[in-house]
PDB file of N, CA and C in Angstrom:
ATOM      1  N   MET A   1      -1.995   5.474  -5.121  1.00  0.00           N
ATOM      2  CA  MET A   1      -0.727   4.506  -5.584  1.00  0.00           C
ATOM      3  C   MET A   1      -0.070   3.542  -4.854  1.00  0.00           C
ATOM      4  N   ASN A   2      -0.133   2.486  -4.725  1.00  0.00           N
ATOM      5  CA  ASN A   2       0.624   1.522  -3.580  1.00  0.00           C
ATOM      6  C   ASN A   2       2.347   1.579  -4.556  1.00  0.00           C
ATOM      7  N   ILE A   3       3.081   1.549  -3.444  1.00  0.00           N
ATOM      8  CA  ILE A   3       4.435   1.539  -3.661  1.00  0.00           C
ATOM      9  C   ILE A   3       4.727   0.330  -2.714  1.00  0.00           C
ATOM     10  N   VAL A   4       5.988  -0.470  -3.499  1.00  0.00           N
ATOM     11  CA  VAL A   4       6.566  -1.547  -2.550  1.00  0.00           C
ATOM     12  C   VAL A   4       8.029  -1.091  -2.574  1.00  0.00           C
ATOM     13  N   VAL A   5       8.885  -1.082  -1.084  1.00  0.00           N
ATOM     14  CA  VAL A   5       9.860  -0.878  -0.487  1.00  0.00           C
ATOM     15  C   VAL A   5      10.546  -1.867  -0.043  1.00  0.00           C
ATOM     16  N   GLY A   6      11.664  -2.016  -1.078  1.00  0.00           N
ATOM     17  CA  GLY A   6      12.546  -3.316  -0.947  1.00  0.00           C
ATOM     18  C   GLY A   6      13.672  -3.167  -0.133  1.00  0.00           C
ATOM     19  N   ASN A   7      14.732  -3.826   0.220  1.00  0.00           N
ATOM     20  CA  ASN A   7      15.567  -3.853   1.063  1.00  0.00           C
ATOM     21  C   ASN A   7      15.677  -2.968   2.416  1.00  0.00           C
ATOM     22  N   LEU A   8      14.427  -3.222   3.001  1.00  0.00           N
ATOM     23  CA  LEU A   8      14.588  -2.416   4.387  1.00  0.00           C
ATOM     24  C   LEU A   8      14.983  -3.703   5.211  1.00  0.00           C
ATOM     25  N   SER A   9      15.872  -3.008   6.429  1.00  0.00           N
ATOM     26  CA  SER A   9      16.333  -3.610   7.430  1.00  0.00           C
ATOM     27  C   SER A   9      15.338  -4.849   8.734  1.00  0.00           C
ATOM     28  N   PHE A  10      15.806  -5.768   8.961  1.00  0.00           N
ATOM     29  CA  PHE A  10      14.992  -6.585   9.896  1.00  0.00           C
ATOM     30  C   PHE A  10      14.528  -5.918  10.588  1.00  0.00           C
ATOM     31  N   GLY A  11      15.049  -5.077  11.130  1.00  0.00           N
ATOM     32  CA  GLY A  11      14.391  -4.438  12.349  1.00  0.00           C
ATOM     33  C   GLY A  11      13.565  -3.098  11.735  1.00  0.00           C
ATOM     34  N   ALA A  12      13.188  -2.930  10.647  1.00  0.00           N
ATOM     35  CA  ALA A  12      12.767  -1.380  10.375  1.00  0.00           C
ATOM     36  C   ALA A  12      10.869  -1.641  11.066  1.00  0.00           C
ATOM     37  N   SER A  13      11.168  -0.373  11.269  1.00  0.00           N
ATOM     38  CA  SER A  13       9.389  -0.109  11.385  1.00  0.00           C
ATOM     39  C   SER A  13       8.561   0.838  10.820  1.00  0.00           C
ATOM     40  N   GLU A  14       7.150   1.152  10.989  1.00  0.00           N
ATOM     41  CA  GLU A  14       6.431   1.997  10.290  1.00  0.00           C
ATOM     42  C   GLU A  14       7.282   3.235  10.089  1.00  0.00           C
ATOM     43  N   GLU A  15       7.233   3.974  11.549  1.00  0.00           N
ATOM     44  CA  GLU A  15       7.299   5.181  11.861  1.00  0.00           C
ATOM     45  C   GLU A  15       8.710   6.087  10.775  1.00  0.00           C
ATOM     46  N   PRO A  16       9.846   5.848  10.746  1.00  0.00           N
ATOM     47  CA  PRO A  16      11.046   6.058   9.605  1.00  0.00           C
ATOM     48  C   PRO A  16      10.340   5.892   8.267  1.00  0.00           C
ATOM     49  N   VAL A  17       9.869   4.599   7.788  1.00  0.00           N
ATOM     50  CA  VAL A  17       9.396   4.356   6.295  1.00  0.00           C
ATOM     51  C   VAL A  17       8.409   5.711   6.378  1.00  0.00           C
ATOM     52  N   ARG A  18       7.303   5.861   7.204  1.00  0.00           N
ATOM     53  CA  ARG A  18       6.320   7.136   7.024  1.00  0.00           C
ATOM     54  C   ARG A  18       6.912   8.344   6.596  1.00  0.00           C
ATOM     55  N   ALA A  19       8.125   8.337   7.584  1.00  0.00           N
ATOM     56  CA  ALA A  19       8.886  10.042   7.435  1.00  0.00           C
ATOM     57  C   ALA A  19       9.512  10.174   6.297  1.00  0.00           C
ATOM     58  N   LEU A  20      10.014   8.991   5.805  1.00  0.00           N
ATOM     59  CA  LEU A  20      10.849   9.490   4.688  1.00  0.00           C
ATOM     60  C   LEU A  20      10.204   9.782   3.445  1.00  0.00           C
ATOM     61  N   PHE A  21       8.995   9.165   3.439  1.00  0.00           N
ATOM     62  CA  PHE A  21       7.722   9.161   2.327  1.00  0.00           C
ATOM     63  C   PHE A  21       7.177  10.464   1.857  1.00  0.00           C
ATOM     64  N   GLU A  22       6.632  11.060   3.845  1.00  0.00           N
ATOM     65  CA  GLU A  22       5.697  11.858   3.971  1.00  0.00           C
ATOM     66  C   GLU A  22       6.757  13.468   3.545  1.00  0.00           C
ATOM     67  N   THR A  23       8.375  13.365   3.284  1.00  0.00           N
ATOM     68  CA  THR A  23       8.634  14.625   3.279  1.00  0.00           C
ATOM     69  C   THR A  23       8.242  14.771   1.318  1.00  0.00           C
ATOM     70  N   HIS A  24       7.710  13.987   0.593  1.00  0.00           N
ATOM     71  CA  HIS A  24       7.550  14.186  -0.816  1.00  0.00           C
ATOM     72  C   HIS A  24       5.883  14.098  -1.226  1.00  0.00           C
ATOM     73  N   GLY A  25       5.323  14.164   0.085  1.00  0.00           N
ATOM     74  CA  GLY A  25       3.735  13.862  -0.063  1.00  0.00           C
ATOM     75  C   GLY A  25       2.760  13.223   1.066  1.00  0.00           C
ATOM     76  N   THR A  26       1.880  13.015   0.995  1.00  0.00           N
ATOM     77  CA  THR A  26       0.629  12.511   1.851  1.00  0.00           C
ATOM     78  C   THR A  26       0.811  11.014   1.755  1.00  0.00           C
ATOM     79  N   VAL A  27       0.973  10.546   3.048  1.00  0.00           N
ATOM     80  CA  VAL A  27       1.007   9.231   2.453  1.00  0.00           C
ATOM     81  C   VAL A  27      -0.300   8.391   3.520  1.00  0.00           C
ATOM     82  N   ASP A  28      -1.007   7.486   3.168  1.00  0.00           N
ATOM     83  CA  ASP A  28      -2.039   7.198   3.828  1.00  0.00           C
ATOM     84  C   ASP A  28      -1.747   6.335   4.386  1.00  0.00           C
ATOM     85  N   ARG A  29      -1.262   5.179   4.568  1.00  0.00           N
ATOM     86  CA  ARG A  29      -0.556   3.767   4.976  1.00  0.00           C
ATOM     87  C   ARG A  29       0.456   3.356   4.645  1.00  0.00           C
ATOM     88  N   VAL A  30       1.235   2.616   5.155  1.00  0.00           N
ATOM     89  CA  VAL A  30       2.561   1.965   5.423  1.00  0.00           C
ATOM     90  C   VAL A  30       2.135   0.609   5.786  1.00  0.00           C
ATOM     91  N   ASN A  31       2.564  -0.379   5.643  1.00  0.00           N
ATOM     92  CA  ASN A  31       2.636  -1.522   5.814  1.00  0.00           C
ATOM     93  C   ASN A  31       4.088  -2.388   5.770  1.00  0.00           C
ATOM     94  N   ILE A  32       4.367  -2.730   6.813  1.00  0.00           N
ATOM     95  CA  ILE A  32       6.208  -3.526   6.618  1.00  0.00           C
ATOM     96  C   ILE A  32       5.217  -5.167   6.910  1.00  0.00           C
ATOM     97  N   ALA A  33       5.665  -5.481   5.811  1.00  0.00           N
ATOM     98  CA  ALA A  33       5.412  -7.361   5.615  1.00  0.00           C
ATOM     99  C   ALA A  33       6.441  -8.189   6.512  1.00  0.00           C
ATOM    100  N   THR A  34       5.339  -9.053   7.656  1.00  0.00           N
ATOM    101  CA  THR A  34       6.191  -9.657   8.634  1.00  0.00           C
ATOM    102  C   THR A  34       5.952 -11.143   8.464  1.00  0.00           C
ATOM    103  N   ASP A  35       6.884 -12.181   9.057  1.00  0.00           N
ATOM    104  CA  ASP A  35       6.527 -13.171   8.820  1.00  0.00           C
ATOM    105  C   ASP A  35       4.900 -13.734   9.500  1.00  0.00           C
ATOM    106  N   ARG A  36       4.641 -14.731   8.717  1.00  0.00           N
ATOM    107  CA  ARG A  36       3.428 -15.261   9.402  1.00  0.00           C
ATOM    108  C   ARG A  36       3.877 -15.869  10.534  1.00  0.00           C
ATOM    109  N   ASP A  37       4.865 -16.942  10.827  1.00  0.00           N
ATOM    110  CA  ASP A  37       4.852 -17.622  11.976  1.00  0.00           C
ATOM    111  C   ASP A  37       6.140 -17.057  13.170  1.00  0.00           C
ATOM    112  N   LYS A  38       6.661 -15.906  12.475  1.00  0.00           N
ATOM    113  CA  LYS A  38       7.647 -15.262  13.871  1.00  0.00           C
ATOM    114  C   LYS A  38       7.606 -14.229  14.078  1.00  0.00           C
ATOM    115  N   GLY A  39       6.577 -13.312  13.547  1.00  0.00           N
ATOM    116  CA  GLY A  39       6.546 -11.643  13.148  1.00  0.00           C
ATOM    117  C   GLY A  39       7.472 -11.096  13.257  1.00  0.00           C
ATOM    118  N   GLN A  40       8.422 -11.233  12.419  1.00  0.00           N
ATOM    119  CA  GLN A  40       9.600 -10.449  12.370  1.00  0.00           C
ATOM    120  C   GLN A  40       9.293  -9.986  10.713  1.00  0.00           C
ATOM    121  N   PRO A  41       9.869  -8.909  10.664  1.00  0.00           N
ATOM    122  CA  PRO A  41       9.883  -7.707   9.321  1.00  0.00           C
ATOM    123  C   PRO A  41      10.828  -8.866   8.369  1.00  0.00           C
ATOM    124  N   ARG A  42       9.748  -8.964   7.076  1.00  0.00           N
ATOM    125  CA  ARG A  42      10.560  -9.960   6.423  1.00  0.00           C
ATOM    126  C   ARG A  42      11.411  -8.726   5.464  1.00  0.00           C
ATOM    127  N   GLY A  43      11.563  -7.540   5.165  1.00  0.00           N
ATOM    128  CA  GLY A  43      12.710  -6.731   4.570  1.00  0.00           C
ATOM    129  C   GLY A  43      11.976  -6.049   3.733  1.00  0.00           C
ATOM    130  N   PHE A  44      10.550  -5.738   3.253  1.00  0.00           N
ATOM    131  CA  PHE A  44       9.896  -5.276   2.605  1.00  0.00           C
ATOM    132  C   PHE A  44       8.619  -4.616   3.001  1.00  0.00           C
ATOM    133  N   GLY A  45       7.986  -3.913   2.313  1.00  0.00           N
ATOM    134  CA  GLY A  45       6.864  -3.039   3.087  1.00  0.00           C
ATOM    135  C   GLY A  45       6.083  -2.210   1.796  1.00  0.00           C
ATOM    136  N   PHE A  46       4.879  -1.782   1.965  1.00  0.00           N
ATOM    137  CA  PHE A  46       4.227  -1.400   1.229  1.00  0.00           C
ATOM    138  C   PHE A  46       3.659   0.290   1.849  1.00  0.00           C
ATOM    139  N   VAL A  47       3.779   1.203   1.182  1.00  0.00           N
ATOM    140  CA  VAL A  47       3.676   2.540   1.319  1.00  0.00           C
ATOM    141  C   VAL A  47       2.167   2.803   0.533  1.00  0.00           C
ATOM    142  N   GLU A  48       1.033   3.615   0.727  1.00  0.00           N
ATOM    143  CA  GLU A  48      -0.019   4.028  -0.576  1.00  0.00           C
ATOM    144  C   GLU A  48      -0.246   5.228  -0.300  1.00  0.00           C
ATOM    145  N   THR A  49      -0.006   5.955  -1.360  1.00  0.00           N
ATOM    146  CA  THR A  49      -0.315   7.712  -1.538  1.00  0.00           C
ATOM    147  C   THR A  49      -1.982   7.222  -2.299  1.00  0.00           C
ATOM    148  N   SER A  50      -2.615   8.975  -1.577  1.00  0.00           N
ATOM    149  CA  SER A  50      -3.471   8.885  -2.524  1.00  0.00           C
ATOM    150  C   SER A  50      -3.902   9.423  -4.253  1.00  0.00           C
ATOM    151  N   ASN A  51      -2.171  10.336  -3.657  1.00  0.00           N
ATOM    152  CA  ASN A  51      -1.885  10.962  -5.431  1.00  0.00           C
ATOM    153  C   ASN A  51      -0.954  10.568  -5.867  1.00  0.00           C
ATOM    154  N   ASP A  52      -1.163  10.195  -6.963  1.00  0.00           N
ATOM    155  CA  ASP A  52      -0.281   9.292  -8.029  1.00  0.00           C
ATOM    156  C   ASP A  52       1.214  10.276  -8.303  1.00  0.00           C
ATOM    157  N   GLY A  53       0.549  11.544  -8.705  1.00  0.00           N
ATOM    158  CA  GLY A  53       2.220  12.189  -8.654  1.00  0.00           C
ATOM    159  C   GLY A  53       2.663  12.571  -7.407  1.00  0.00           C
ATOM    160  N   GLU A  54       2.525  12.707  -6.512  1.00  0.00           N
ATOM    161  CA  GLU A  54       3.221  13.004  -5.341  1.00  0.00           C
ATOM    162  C   GLU A  54       3.692  11.534  -4.694  1.00  0.00           C
ATOM    163  N   GLY A  55       3.396  10.221  -5.433  1.00  0.00           N
ATOM    164  CA  GLY A  55       3.802   8.549  -5.147  1.00  0.00           C
ATOM    165  C   GLY A  55       4.956   8.815  -6.040  1.00  0.00           C
ATOM    166  N   GLU A  56       4.662   9.018  -7.451  1.00  0.00           N
ATOM    167  CA  GLU A  56       5.382   9.003  -8.647  1.00  0.00           C
ATOM    168  C   GLU A  56       6.705   9.937  -8.064  1.00  0.00           C
ATOM    169  N   GLU A  57       6.944  11.070  -7.857  1.00  0.00           N
ATOM    170  CA  GLU A  57       7.773  11.598  -6.941  1.00  0.00           C
ATOM    171  C   GLU A  57       8.627  11.103  -6.049  1.00  0.00           C
ATOM    172  N   ALA A  58       7.790  10.629  -4.992  1.00  0.00           N
ATOM    173  CA  ALA A  58       8.325  10.013  -3.645  1.00  0.00           C
ATOM    174  C   ALA A  58       9.154   9.116  -4.654  1.00  0.00           C
ATOM    175  N   ILE A  59       8.944   8.190  -5.706  1.00  0.00           N
ATOM    176  CA  ILE A  59       9.255   7.062  -5.899  1.00  0.00           C
ATOM    177  C   ILE A  59      10.589   7.297  -6.440  1.00  0.00           C
ATOM    178  N   ALA A  60      10.600   8.148  -7.250  1.00  0.00           N
ATOM    179  CA  ALA A  60      11.853   8.576  -7.793  1.00  0.00           C
ATOM    180  C   ALA A  60      12.941   8.993  -7.030  1.00  0.00           C
ATOM    181  N   ALA A  61      12.498  10.272  -5.975  1.00  0.00           N
ATOM    182  CA  ALA A  61      13.024  10.429  -5.058  1.00  0.00           C
ATOM    183  C   ALA A  61      14.074   9.364  -3.730  1.00  0.00           C
ATOM    184  N   VAL A  62      13.074   8.602  -3.540  1.00  0.00           N
ATOM    185  CA  VAL A  62      13.605   7.758  -2.161  1.00  0.00           C
ATOM    186  C   VAL A  62      14.310   6.511  -3.061  1.00  0.00           C
ATOM    187  N   ASN A  63      14.172   5.862  -4.039  1.00  0.00           N
ATOM    188  CA  ASN A  63      14.478   5.284  -4.968  1.00  0.00           C
ATOM    189  C   ASN A  63      16.021   5.516  -4.476  1.00  0.00           C
ATOM    190  N   GLY A  64      17.273   4.109  -4.135  1.00  0.00           N
ATOM    191  CA  GLY A  64      18.105   4.190  -3.696  1.00  0.00           C
ATOM    192  C   GLY A  64      18.892   4.886  -2.561  1.00  0.00           C
ATOM    193  N   SER A  65      18.151   5.508  -1.904  1.00  0.00           N
ATOM    194  CA  SER A  65      18.493   6.511  -0.679  1.00  0.00           C
ATOM    195  C   SER A  65      18.598   5.141   0.519  1.00  0.00           C
ATOM    196  N   ASP A  66      19.229   5.852   1.560  1.00  0.00           N
ATOM    197  CA  ASP A  66      19.678   5.176   2.664  1.00  0.00           C
ATOM    198  C   ASP A  66      18.748   5.133   4.095  1.00  0.00           C
ATOM    199  N   LEU A  67      18.707   4.021   4.363  1.00  0.00           N
ATOM    200  CA  LEU A  67      17.405   4.013   5.714  1.00  0.00           C
ATOM    201  C   LEU A  67      18.019   2.779   6.528  1.00  0.00           C
ATOM    202  N   ASP A  68      18.945   3.087   7.463  1.00  0.00           N
ATOM    203  CA  ASP A  68      19.347   2.218   8.950  1.00  0.00           C
ATOM    204  C   ASP A  68      20.384   1.724   8.130  1.00  0.00           C
ATOM    205  N   GLY A  69      21.153   1.998   6.834  1.00  0.00           N
ATOM    206  CA  GLY A  69      22.402   1.458   6.493  1.00  0.00           C
ATOM    207  C   GLY A  69      22.074   0.445   4.990  1.00  0.00           C
ATOM    208  N   ARG A  70      21.004   1.039   4.460  1.00  0.00           N
ATOM    209  CA  ARG A  70      20.000   0.357   3.904  1.00  0.00           C
ATOM    210  C   ARG A  70      19.933   0.806   2.405  1.00  0.00           C
ATOM    211  N   SER A  71      20.784   0.462   0.844  1.00  0.00           N
ATOM    212  CA  SER A  71      20.009   1.005   0.316  1.00  0.00           C
ATOM    213  C   SER A  71      18.178   0.817  -0.242  1.00  0.00           C
ATOM    214  N   LEU A  72      17.749   1.610  -0.291  1.00  0.00           N
ATOM    215  CA  LEU A  72      16.405   1.356  -0.670  1.00  0.00           C
ATOM    216  C   LEU A  72      16.112   0.893  -1.978  1.00  0.00           C
ATOM    217  N   THR A  73      15.258  -0.136  -2.142  1.00  0.00           N
ATOM    218  CA  THR A  73      14.156  -0.260  -3.867  1.00  0.00           C
ATOM    219  C   THR A  73      12.937  -0.086  -3.676  1.00  0.00           C
ATOM    220  N   VAL A  74      12.811   0.379  -4.503  1.00  0.00           N
ATOM    221  CA  VAL A  74      11.483   1.285  -4.382  1.00  0.00           C
ATOM    222  C   VAL A  74      10.808   1.521  -6.181  1.00  0.00           C
ATOM    223  N   ASN A  75       9.827   0.923  -6.044  1.00  0.00           N
ATOM    224  CA  ASN A  75       9.110   0.810  -7.144  1.00  0.00           C
ATOM    225  C   ASN A  75       6.942   1.029  -7.086  1.00  0.00           C
ATOM    226  N   GLU A  76       6.155   1.084  -8.384  1.00  0.00           N
ATOM    227  CA  GLU A  76       5.062   0.983  -7.904  1.00  0.00           C
ATOM    228  C   GLU A  76       4.636  -0.458  -7.610  1.00  0.00           C
ATOM    229  N   ALA A  77       3.841  -0.839  -6.891  1.00  0.00           N
ATOM    230  CA  ALA A  77       3.568  -2.270  -6.543  1.00  0.00           C
ATOM    231  C   ALA A  77       2.577  -2.553  -7.230  1.00  0.00           C
ATOM    232  N   ARG A  78       2.625  -3.819  -8.300  1.00  0.00           N
ATOM    233  CA  ARG A  78       1.575  -4.622  -9.473  1.00  0.00           C
ATOM    234  C   ARG A  78       1.296  -5.299  -8.828  1.00  0.00           C
ATOM    235  N   PRO A  79      -0.219  -5.556  -9.409  1.00  0.00           N
ATOM    236  CA  PRO A  79      -1.570  -6.236  -9.084  1.00  0.00           C
ATOM    237  C   PRO A  79      -0.727  -7.281  -7.926  1.00  0.00           C
ATOM    238  N   LYS A  80      -1.521  -8.203  -7.319  1.00  0.00           N
ATOM    239  CA  LYS A  80      -1.069  -9.511  -6.956  1.00  0.00           C
ATOM    240  C   LYS A  80      -1.519 -10.121  -8.332  1.00  0.00           C
ATOM    241  N   ALA A  81      -0.896 -11.360  -8.611  1.00  0.00           N
ATOM    242  CA  ALA A  81      -1.023 -12.296  -9.926  1.00  0.00           C
ATOM    243  C   ALA A  81      -2.451 -13.140  -8.969  1.00  0.00           C
ATOM    244  N   ASP A  82      -2.942 -13.282 -10.160  1.00  0.00           N
ATOM    245  CA  ASP A  82      -4.299 -14.166 -10.139  1.00  0.00           C
ATOM    246  C   ASP A  82      -3.199 -15.458  -9.995  1.00  0.00           C
ATOM    247  N   ARG A  83      -4.162 -16.417  -8.378  1.00  0.00           N
ATOM    248  CA  ARG A  83      -3.157 -17.820  -8.690  1.00  0.00           C
ATOM    249  C   ARG A  83      -4.276 -18.915  -8.362  1.00  0.00           C
ATOM    250  N   SER A  84      -5.872 -18.623  -8.572  1.00  0.00           N
ATOM    251  CA  SER A  84      -6.765 -19.764  -8.852  1.00  0.00           C
ATOM    252  C   SER A  84      -6.954 -20.465 -10.460  1.00  0.00           C
ATOM    253  N   SER A  85      -5.294 -21.200 -10.179  1.00  0.00           N
ATOM    254  CA  SER A  85      -5.386 -22.010 -11.838  1.00  0.00           C
ATOM    255  C   SER A  85      -6.161 -23.601 -11.913  1.00  0.00           C
ATOM    256  N   GLY A  86      -6.699 -23.634 -10.723  1.00  0.00           N
ATOM    257  CA  GLY A  86      -7.882 -24.932 -10.230  1.00  0.00           C
ATOM    258  C   GLY A  86      -7.129 -25.653  -9.643  1.00  0.00           C
ATOM    259  N   GLY A  87      -5.748 -25.695  -9.997  1.00  0.00           N
ATOM    260  CA  GLY A  87      -4.908 -27.335  -9.533  1.00  0.00           C
ATOM    261  C   GLY A  87      -5.125 -28.580  -9.461  1.00  0.00           C
ATOM    262  N   GLY A  88      -4.968 -29.109  -8.294  1.00  0.00           N
ATOM    263  CA  GLY A  88      -5.018 -30.891  -8.471  1.00  0.00           C
ATOM    264  C   GLY A  88      -4.312 -31.037  -8.101  1.00  0.00           C
ATOM    265  N   GLY A  89      -4.251 -32.495  -7.242  1.00  0.00           N
ATOM    266  CA  GLY A  89      -3.327 -33.116  -6.605  1.00  0.00           C
ATOM    267  C   GLY A  89      -2.263 -33.879  -7.894  1.00  0.00           C
ATOM    268  N   SER A  90      -2.124 -34.078  -8.690  1.00  0.00           N
ATOM    269  CA  SER A  90      -2.237 -35.092  -9.545  1.00  0.00           C
ATOM    270  C   SER A  90      -0.332 -34.799  -9.462  1.00  0.00           C
ATOM    271  N   PHE A  91      -0.197 -33.262  -9.625  1.00  0.00           N
ATOM    272  CA  PHE A  91       1.291 -32.854  -9.952  1.00  0.00           C
ATOM    273  C   PHE A  91       1.800 -33.177 -11.288  1.00  0.00           C
ATOM    274  N   GLY A  92       0.687 -33.139 -12.020  1.00  0.00           N
ATOM    275  CA  GLY A  92       0.689 -32.913 -13.763  1.00  0.00           C
ATOM    276  C   GLY A  92       0.912 -34.749 -14.348  1.00  0.00           C
ATOM    277  N   HIS A  93       0.519 -35.692 -13.247  1.00  0.00           N
ATOM    278  CA  HIS A  93       0.811 -36.607 -13.967  1.00  0.00           C
ATOM    279  C   HIS A  93      -0.991 -37.069 -14.247  1.00  0.00           C
ATOM    280  N   LYS A  94      -1.008 -37.616 -15.273  1.00  0.00           N
ATOM    281  CA  LYS A  94      -2.253 -38.130 -15.410  1.00  0.00           C
ATOM    282  C   LYS A  94      -2.730 -39.659 -15.667  1.00  0.00           C
ATOM    283  N   ARG A  95      -3.683 -40.071 -14.621  1.00  0.00           N
ATOM    284  CA  ARG A  95      -3.541 -41.372 -14.761  1.00  0.00           C
ATOM    285  C   ARG A  95      -4.477 -42.236 -15.905  1.00  0.00           C
ATOM    286  N   ARG A  96      -4.122 -43.487 -16.467  1.00  0.00           N
ATOM    287  CA  ARG A  96      -4.436 -43.646 -17.423  1.00  0.00           C
ATOM    288  C   ARG A  96      -5.276 -45.120 -17.252  1.00  0.00           C
ATOM    289  N   TYR A  97      -6.138 -45.294 -17.512  1.00  0.00           N
ATOM    290  CA  TYR A  97      -7.433 -46.444 -17.244  1.00  0.00           C
ATOM    291  C   TYR A  97      -7.663 -47.139 -18.168  1.00  0.00           C
TER     292      TYR A  97
END
């Protein structure tokens, strides 16, 4: 199960997030999202668990809890939306010849 953790402090690191979730089951991976240019945390991250039951328990237990003085928002992550719409550079304007 992939879990999104929001409202992390901008100084958040992997270990405190891992420790918080490991009290509710096995954590396979923690990934704190960072700004591409600055390399600083962006205020959210992801926690992966292989056991969906433990993941659901962790979501219920950790959502709204405090970490570094901030109330966390925790939900099951949704799959990334497909952005391959074909696009084009006309910005919706069609040329008429």
